[in-house]
């Protein structure tokens, strides 16, 4: 974004700094704009009052451009049910600036409601010029990624890793983006990555107009033998062609869409050159076998591994 360095450097350095700066201007502006009552307009502001820097003339145009487009996150209009804690946890200053940049580039047109909520990220339903999208926003305000560093260190694609939290987040997002690209290129059934910026990853939305696709663990499939075979083939192609191991291959991370399994959450997937790659491969196969047991499918770990590796 043109002039983004000066723009960013001049912003407050934390949300706490914003708390004491908020005045009445934003309240009046928001009430007038949305024609809503005072208690409704205070949905995000009444306790911490965080928006003065966006009301100042220098930043007001930016906020005017994105405010209506993130109603699902800020909890106005038809999205009033959204918990403000979602906003506080996910949308810090840098994330808002990243969203603005992606909106300016046409990669995000609107962010609606949360599809999935996790320790590392929230995924939101959204729209762009290309249709419905999923916007995955990785958290930058906690230290959860420090527990996942074992999936980054040792991967030859990501050398010289810095241990600052924001650097870890950025690397993790880049890693998931690259893993998706590689898997998609090998014909694997994963979401298509559409855009990336700092802690924001844009992908194809998996679901219908009413709701996102359910997780595999939450549905009862009618053809478990066939699904097991497809998932085993996913692990095989991932290992031989994509040169990757998913490393968290559970039915939590597999969606059921149009009677097909679709694998998601590939950020932790590692190169087959990673020192723990084979250990992760064995674990993935065991989790697949555990899923099969729910349908009384009996499979031997050694036999499945032999089949995959050969």
Protein backbone atom coordinates (compact mmCIF):
# COMPACT_ATOMS: atom_id res chain seq x y z
CA UNK A 1 0.00 0.00 0.00
CA UNK A 2 1.46 3.32 -1.06
CA UNK A 3 2.96 5.13 1.88
CA UNK A 4 2.14 2.22 4.18
CA UNK A 5 5.39 2.45 6.12
CA UNK A 6 4.72 5.95 7.44
CA UNK A 7 1.06 5.13 7.92
CA UNK A 8 1.83 2.06 10.01
CA UNK A 9 4.64 3.59 12.03
CA UNK A 10 2.44 6.46 13.13
CA UNK A 11 -0.27 4.22 14.57
CA UNK A 12 -0.59 3.36 18.26
CA UNK A 13 1.53 0.36 19.19
CA UNK A 14 -1.11 -1.58 21.14
CA UNK A 15 -4.83 -1.79 21.72
CA UNK A 16 -4.26 -0.76 25.33
CA UNK A 17 -2.93 2.57 24.12
CA UNK A 18 -6.17 3.07 22.20
CA UNK A 19 -8.34 2.58 25.28
CA UNK A 20 -7.70 6.00 26.81
CA UNK A 21 -7.87 7.88 23.51
CA UNK A 22 -11.43 7.25 22.47
CA UNK A 23 -13.94 10.14 22.43
CA UNK A 24 -17.56 10.67 21.54
CA UNK A 25 -16.98 11.36 17.82
CA UNK A 26 -16.98 7.72 16.77
CA UNK A 27 -20.13 6.94 18.75
CA UNK A 28 -22.05 9.73 17.02
CA UNK A 29 -20.66 8.75 13.62
CA UNK A 30 -21.58 5.09 14.02
CA UNK A 31 -25.08 5.78 15.39
CA UNK A 32 -25.82 8.16 12.52
CA UNK A 33 -24.34 5.83 9.90
CA UNK A 34 -26.23 2.71 10.93
CA UNK A 35 -29.28 4.37 12.50
CA UNK A 36 -28.95 2.23 15.58
CA UNK A 37 -29.43 2.92 19.25
CA UNK A 38 -26.62 3.91 21.52
CA UNK A 39 -26.48 0.57 23.35
CA UNK A 40 -26.14 -1.26 20.03
CA UNK A 41 -23.41 1.03 18.74
CA UNK A 42 -21.49 0.40 21.93
CA UNK A 43 -21.32 -3.35 21.21
CA UNK A 44 -17.57 -3.18 20.67
CA UNK A 45 -16.69 0.06 22.35
CA UNK A 46 -18.57 0.45 25.62
CA UNK A 47 -15.99 -1.23 27.86
CA UNK A 48 -12.67 -0.49 26.22
CA UNK A 49 -13.37 2.35 23.73
CA UNK A 50 -10.72 1.55 21.17
CA UNK A 51 -11.43 3.48 17.99
CA UNK A 52 -10.22 7.08 18.23
CA UNK A 53 -7.26 6.59 15.92
CA UNK A 54 -9.69 5.46 13.20
CA UNK A 55 -11.85 8.56 13.67
CA UNK A 56 -9.02 11.02 13.22
CA UNK A 57 -9.08 12.56 9.71
CA UNK A 58 -5.78 10.85 8.90
CA UNK A 59 -7.29 7.38 9.28
CA UNK A 60 -11.03 7.97 8.99
CA UNK A 61 -11.12 7.32 5.24
CA UNK A 62 -9.53 3.92 5.73
CA UNK A 63 -12.00 2.93 8.42
CA UNK A 64 -14.92 4.26 6.41
CA UNK A 65 -13.89 1.96 3.57
CA UNK A 66 -13.60 -1.21 5.64
CA UNK A 67 -16.16 -0.75 8.43
CA UNK A 68 -19.21 -1.89 6.47
CA UNK A 69 -17.20 -4.70 4.89
CA UNK A 70 -16.35 -6.35 8.21
CA UNK A 71 -19.77 -6.13 9.84
CA UNK A 72 -19.63 -9.83 10.64
CA UNK A 73 -16.59 -9.18 12.79
CA UNK A 74 -17.55 -5.91 14.47
CA UNK A 75 -21.09 -7.05 15.28
CA UNK A 76 -23.44 -4.55 13.64
CA UNK A 77 -26.48 -4.93 11.44
CA UNK A 78 -27.57 -8.53 10.91
CA UNK A 79 -24.36 -9.78 12.57
CA UNK A 80 -25.10 -8.37 16.05
CA UNK A 81 -24.72 -11.83 17.62
CA UNK A 82 -20.97 -11.82 17.12
CA UNK A 83 -19.07 -11.88 20.41
CA UNK A 84 -16.79 -8.86 20.80
CA UNK A 85 -14.15 -11.23 22.19
CA UNK A 86 -13.84 -12.61 18.66
CA UNK A 87 -12.96 -9.14 17.47
CA UNK A 88 -10.54 -8.45 20.31
CA UNK A 89 -8.78 -11.78 19.85
CA UNK A 90 -8.40 -11.64 16.09
CA UNK A 91 -8.49 -8.07 14.74
CA UNK A 92 -5.52 -6.18 16.10
CA UNK A 93 -4.08 -3.08 14.46
CA UNK A 94 -1.78 -4.92 12.05
CA UNK A 95 -4.53 -7.33 11.02
CA UNK A 96 -6.92 -4.48 10.22
CA UNK A 97 -4.25 -2.85 8.08
CA UNK A 98 -3.64 -6.16 6.33
CA UNK A 99 -7.35 -6.56 5.62
CA UNK A 100 -7.44 -3.03 4.25
CA UNK A 101 -4.56 -3.80 1.90
CA UNK A 102 -6.25 -6.98 0.64
CA UNK A 103 -9.49 -5.06 0.14
CA UNK A 104 -7.65 -2.43 -1.86
CA UNK A 105 -6.20 -5.22 -4.00
CA UNK A 106 -9.67 -6.70 -4.57
CA UNK A 107 -8.86 -9.97 -2.83
CA UNK A 108 -11.36 -9.35 -0.01
CA UNK A 109 -14.68 -7.65 -0.62
CA UNK A 110 -16.46 -8.46 2.63
CA UNK A 111 -15.92 -10.47 5.80
CA UNK A 112 -19.05 -11.97 7.32
CA UNK A 113 -19.25 -14.48 10.15
CA UNK A 114 -16.88 -16.97 11.80
CA UNK A 115 -16.82 -20.41 10.16
CA UNK A 116 -14.37 -22.00 12.57
CA UNK A 117 -12.57 -20.91 15.72
CA UNK A 118 -9.31 -22.38 16.91
CA UNK A 119 -6.30 -21.72 19.11
CA UNK A 120 -4.17 -20.63 16.17
CA UNK A 121 -6.72 -18.95 13.91
CA UNK A 122 -10.29 -17.97 13.15
CA UNK A 123 -11.80 -18.66 9.74
CA UNK A 124 -14.46 -16.28 8.38
CA UNK A 125 -16.97 -16.54 5.56
CA UNK A 126 -16.43 -13.75 3.06
CA UNK A 127 -16.88 -12.48 -0.47
CA UNK A 128 -14.53 -11.24 -3.16
CA UNK A 129 -14.80 -10.46 -6.87
CA UNK A 130 -14.30 -14.20 -7.44
CA UNK A 131 -17.22 -15.26 -5.25
CA UNK A 132 -17.42 -16.79 -1.78
CA UNK A 133 -14.13 -17.12 0.09
CA UNK A 134 -12.79 -18.31 3.41
CA UNK A 135 -10.59 -15.80 5.23
CA UNK A 136 -8.28 -17.46 7.74
CA UNK A 137 -6.86 -14.96 10.22
CA UNK A 138 -4.08 -16.23 12.45
CA UNK A 139 -3.87 -14.86 15.97
CA UNK A 140 -1.00 -12.52 16.76
CA UNK A 141 -1.73 -11.83 20.42
CA UNK A 142 -0.87 -15.16 22.02
CA UNK A 143 2.07 -17.52 22.19
CA UNK A 144 0.45 -20.67 20.81
CA UNK A 145 2.81 -20.82 17.84
CA UNK A 146 5.78 -21.36 20.12
CA UNK A 147 4.33 -24.81 20.83
CA UNK A 148 4.27 -25.53 17.11
CA UNK A 149 7.84 -24.58 16.31
CA UNK A 150 8.79 -28.26 15.95
CA UNK A 151 6.79 -28.27 12.70
CA UNK A 152 8.87 -25.37 11.34
CA UNK A 153 12.38 -26.05 12.59
CA UNK A 154 13.99 -28.76 10.51
CA UNK A 155 11.93 -27.99 7.41
CA UNK A 156 14.57 -27.02 4.79
CA UNK A 157 12.13 -24.59 3.18
CA UNK A 158 12.15 -22.31 6.22
CA UNK A 159 15.71 -21.71 7.36
CA UNK A 160 17.01 -18.84 9.50
CA UNK A 161 13.88 -18.77 11.60
CA UNK A 162 13.44 -15.87 14.00
CA UNK A 163 11.71 -16.64 17.28
CA UNK A 164 9.73 -13.43 17.69
CA UNK A 165 6.06 -14.26 17.92
CA UNK A 166 4.94 -12.20 14.91
CA UNK A 167 7.74 -13.72 12.82
CA UNK A 168 6.55 -17.21 13.78
CA UNK A 169 3.01 -16.33 12.77
CA UNK A 170 4.14 -14.95 9.41
CA UNK A 171 6.23 -18.05 8.69
CA UNK A 172 3.35 -20.32 9.69
CA UNK A 173 0.97 -18.58 7.28
CA UNK A 174 3.51 -18.75 4.46
CA UNK A 175 4.02 -22.42 5.27
CA UNK A 176 0.32 -23.25 5.04
CA UNK A 177 0.04 -21.28 1.79
CA UNK A 178 2.97 -23.13 0.22
CA UNK A 179 1.74 -26.51 1.45
CA UNK A 180 -1.68 -25.88 -0.10
CA UNK A 181 -0.12 -24.86 -3.40
CA UNK A 182 2.05 -27.95 -3.50
CA UNK A 183 -0.77 -30.32 -2.56
CA UNK A 184 -3.16 -28.72 -5.05
CA UNK A 185 -0.55 -29.04 -7.80
CA UNK A 186 -0.37 -32.77 -7.07
CA UNK A 187 -4.13 -33.12 -7.47
CA UNK A 188 -4.94 -33.51 -3.79
CA UNK A 189 -8.34 -32.46 -2.49
CA UNK A 190 -7.52 -29.38 -0.41
CA UNK A 191 -8.83 -25.79 -0.47
CA UNK A 192 -7.26 -23.62 -3.14
CA UNK A 193 -5.17 -20.74 -1.74
CA UNK A 194 -6.25 -17.41 -3.25
CA UNK A 195 -4.22 -14.80 -1.41
CA UNK A 196 -1.90 -14.14 1.49
CA UNK A 197 -0.69 -11.15 3.50
CA UNK A 198 1.12 -11.34 6.83
CA UNK A 199 -1.26 -13.26 9.15
CA UNK A 200 -4.15 -13.50 6.66
CA UNK A 201 -4.74 -16.42 4.29
CA UNK A 202 -7.55 -16.41 1.71
CA UNK A 203 -8.86 -19.74 0.39
CA UNK A 204 -11.81 -21.19 -1.45
CA UNK A 205 -14.85 -21.57 0.78
CA UNK A 206 -15.90 -25.18 1.40
CA UNK A 207 -19.62 -25.48 2.00
CA UNK A 208 -22.95 -24.25 0.68
CA UNK A 209 -24.89 -21.00 1.01
CA UNK A 210 -26.38 -22.07 4.32
CA UNK A 211 -23.37 -23.42 6.22
CA UNK A 212 -19.79 -24.60 5.89
CA UNK A 213 -18.99 -28.25 5.19
CA UNK A 214 -19.01 -30.40 8.35
CA UNK A 215 -15.96 -32.18 9.72
CA UNK A 216 -15.58 -35.84 8.88
CA UNK A 217 -15.91 -36.74 12.56
CA UNK A 218 -19.35 -35.10 12.66
CA UNK A 219 -20.93 -37.09 9.82
CA UNK A 220 -21.73 -40.74 9.24
CA UNK A 221 -20.46 -41.84 5.85
CA UNK A 222 -22.20 -44.62 3.98
CA UNK A 223 -19.10 -45.93 2.23
CA UNK A 224 -16.32 -46.02 4.87
CA UNK A 225 -14.19 -48.49 2.89
CA UNK A 226 -14.10 -46.14 -0.09
CA UNK A 227 -13.40 -43.09 2.07
CA UNK A 228 -10.61 -44.94 3.89
CA UNK A 229 -9.04 -45.82 0.54
CA UNK A 230 -9.23 -42.20 -0.65
CA UNK A 231 -7.62 -40.92 2.53
CA UNK A 232 -4.91 -43.54 2.37
CA UNK A 233 -4.22 -42.44 -1.19
CA UNK A 234 -4.04 -38.83 0.00
CA UNK A 235 -1.24 -39.77 2.41
CA UNK A 236 0.51 -41.76 -0.33
CA UNK A 237 0.39 -38.97 -2.96
CA UNK A 238 1.33 -36.40 -0.35
CA UNK A 239 4.44 -38.43 0.57
CA UNK A 240 5.59 -39.48 -2.91
CA UNK A 241 4.53 -36.57 -5.12
CA UNK A 242 4.15 -33.52 -2.88
CA UNK A 243 7.04 -34.67 -0.65
CA UNK A 244 5.04 -33.69 2.41
CA UNK A 245 3.54 -35.23 5.54
CA UNK A 246 0.33 -33.69 6.88
CA UNK A 247 1.40 -34.36 10.50
CA UNK A 248 -2.09 -33.85 11.97
CA UNK A 249 -4.23 -36.16 9.87
CA UNK A 250 -7.29 -36.51 12.07
CA UNK A 251 -11.01 -36.38 11.30
CA UNK A 252 -11.00 -32.91 12.89
CA UNK A 253 -8.93 -31.68 9.93
CA UNK A 254 -10.94 -33.35 7.18
CA UNK A 255 -14.17 -31.86 5.86
CA UNK A 256 -16.99 -33.82 4.23
CA UNK A 257 -18.06 -31.92 1.12
CA UNK A 258 -20.16 -33.19 -1.79
CA UNK A 259 -19.64 -36.78 -0.61
CA UNK A 260 -15.87 -36.39 -0.73
CA UNK A 261 -13.28 -35.91 2.02
CA UNK A 262 -11.33 -32.65 1.82
CA UNK A 263 -8.22 -32.17 3.93
CA UNK A 264 -7.68 -28.80 5.64
CA UNK A 265 -5.34 -27.19 8.19
CA UNK A 266 -2.09 -28.08 6.47
CA UNK A 267 0.07 -25.46 8.19
CA UNK A 268 1.89 -28.07 10.23
CA UNK A 269 2.64 -30.29 7.19
CA UNK A 270 6.39 -30.82 6.88
CA UNK A 271 8.78 -31.75 4.12
CA UNK A 272 9.77 -35.40 3.80
CA UNK A 273 13.29 -34.17 4.63
CA UNK A 274 12.17 -33.00 8.08
CA UNK A 275 13.93 -35.00 10.83
CA UNK A 276 10.55 -36.12 12.24
CA UNK A 277 8.83 -36.71 8.89
CA UNK A 278 8.63 -40.51 9.21
CA UNK A 279 7.43 -40.25 12.79
CA UNK A 280 4.65 -37.90 11.67
CA UNK A 281 3.82 -40.24 8.77
CA UNK A 282 3.32 -43.18 11.13
CA UNK A 283 1.14 -41.03 13.37
CA UNK A 284 -1.00 -39.92 10.41
CA UNK A 285 -1.55 -43.51 9.31
CA UNK A 286 -2.47 -44.56 12.85
CA UNK A 287 -5.06 -41.77 13.05
CA UNK A 288 -6.56 -42.94 9.78
CA UNK A 289 -6.75 -46.47 11.15
CA UNK A 290 -8.39 -45.14 14.32
CA UNK A 291 -11.04 -43.42 12.19
CA UNK A 292 -11.67 -46.67 10.32
CA UNK A 293 -12.26 -48.50 13.60
CA UNK A 294 -15.34 -46.36 14.15
CA UNK A 295 -16.80 -48.21 11.18
CA UNK A 296 -15.41 -51.59 12.25
CA UNK A 297 -12.67 -51.45 9.65
CA UNK A 298 -9.70 -53.48 10.81
CA UNK A 299 -6.36 -52.47 9.31
CA UNK A 300 -2.82 -53.32 10.28
CA UNK A 301 -0.45 -50.37 10.71
CA UNK A 302 2.53 -52.15 9.15
CA UNK A 303 0.53 -53.27 6.13
CA UNK A 304 -0.94 -49.81 5.47
CA UNK A 305 2.49 -48.19 5.85
CA UNK A 306 4.00 -50.72 3.43
CA UNK A 307 1.25 -50.01 0.94
CA UNK A 308 1.77 -46.24 1.23
CA UNK A 309 5.56 -46.36 1.01
CA UNK A 310 5.58 -48.74 -1.94
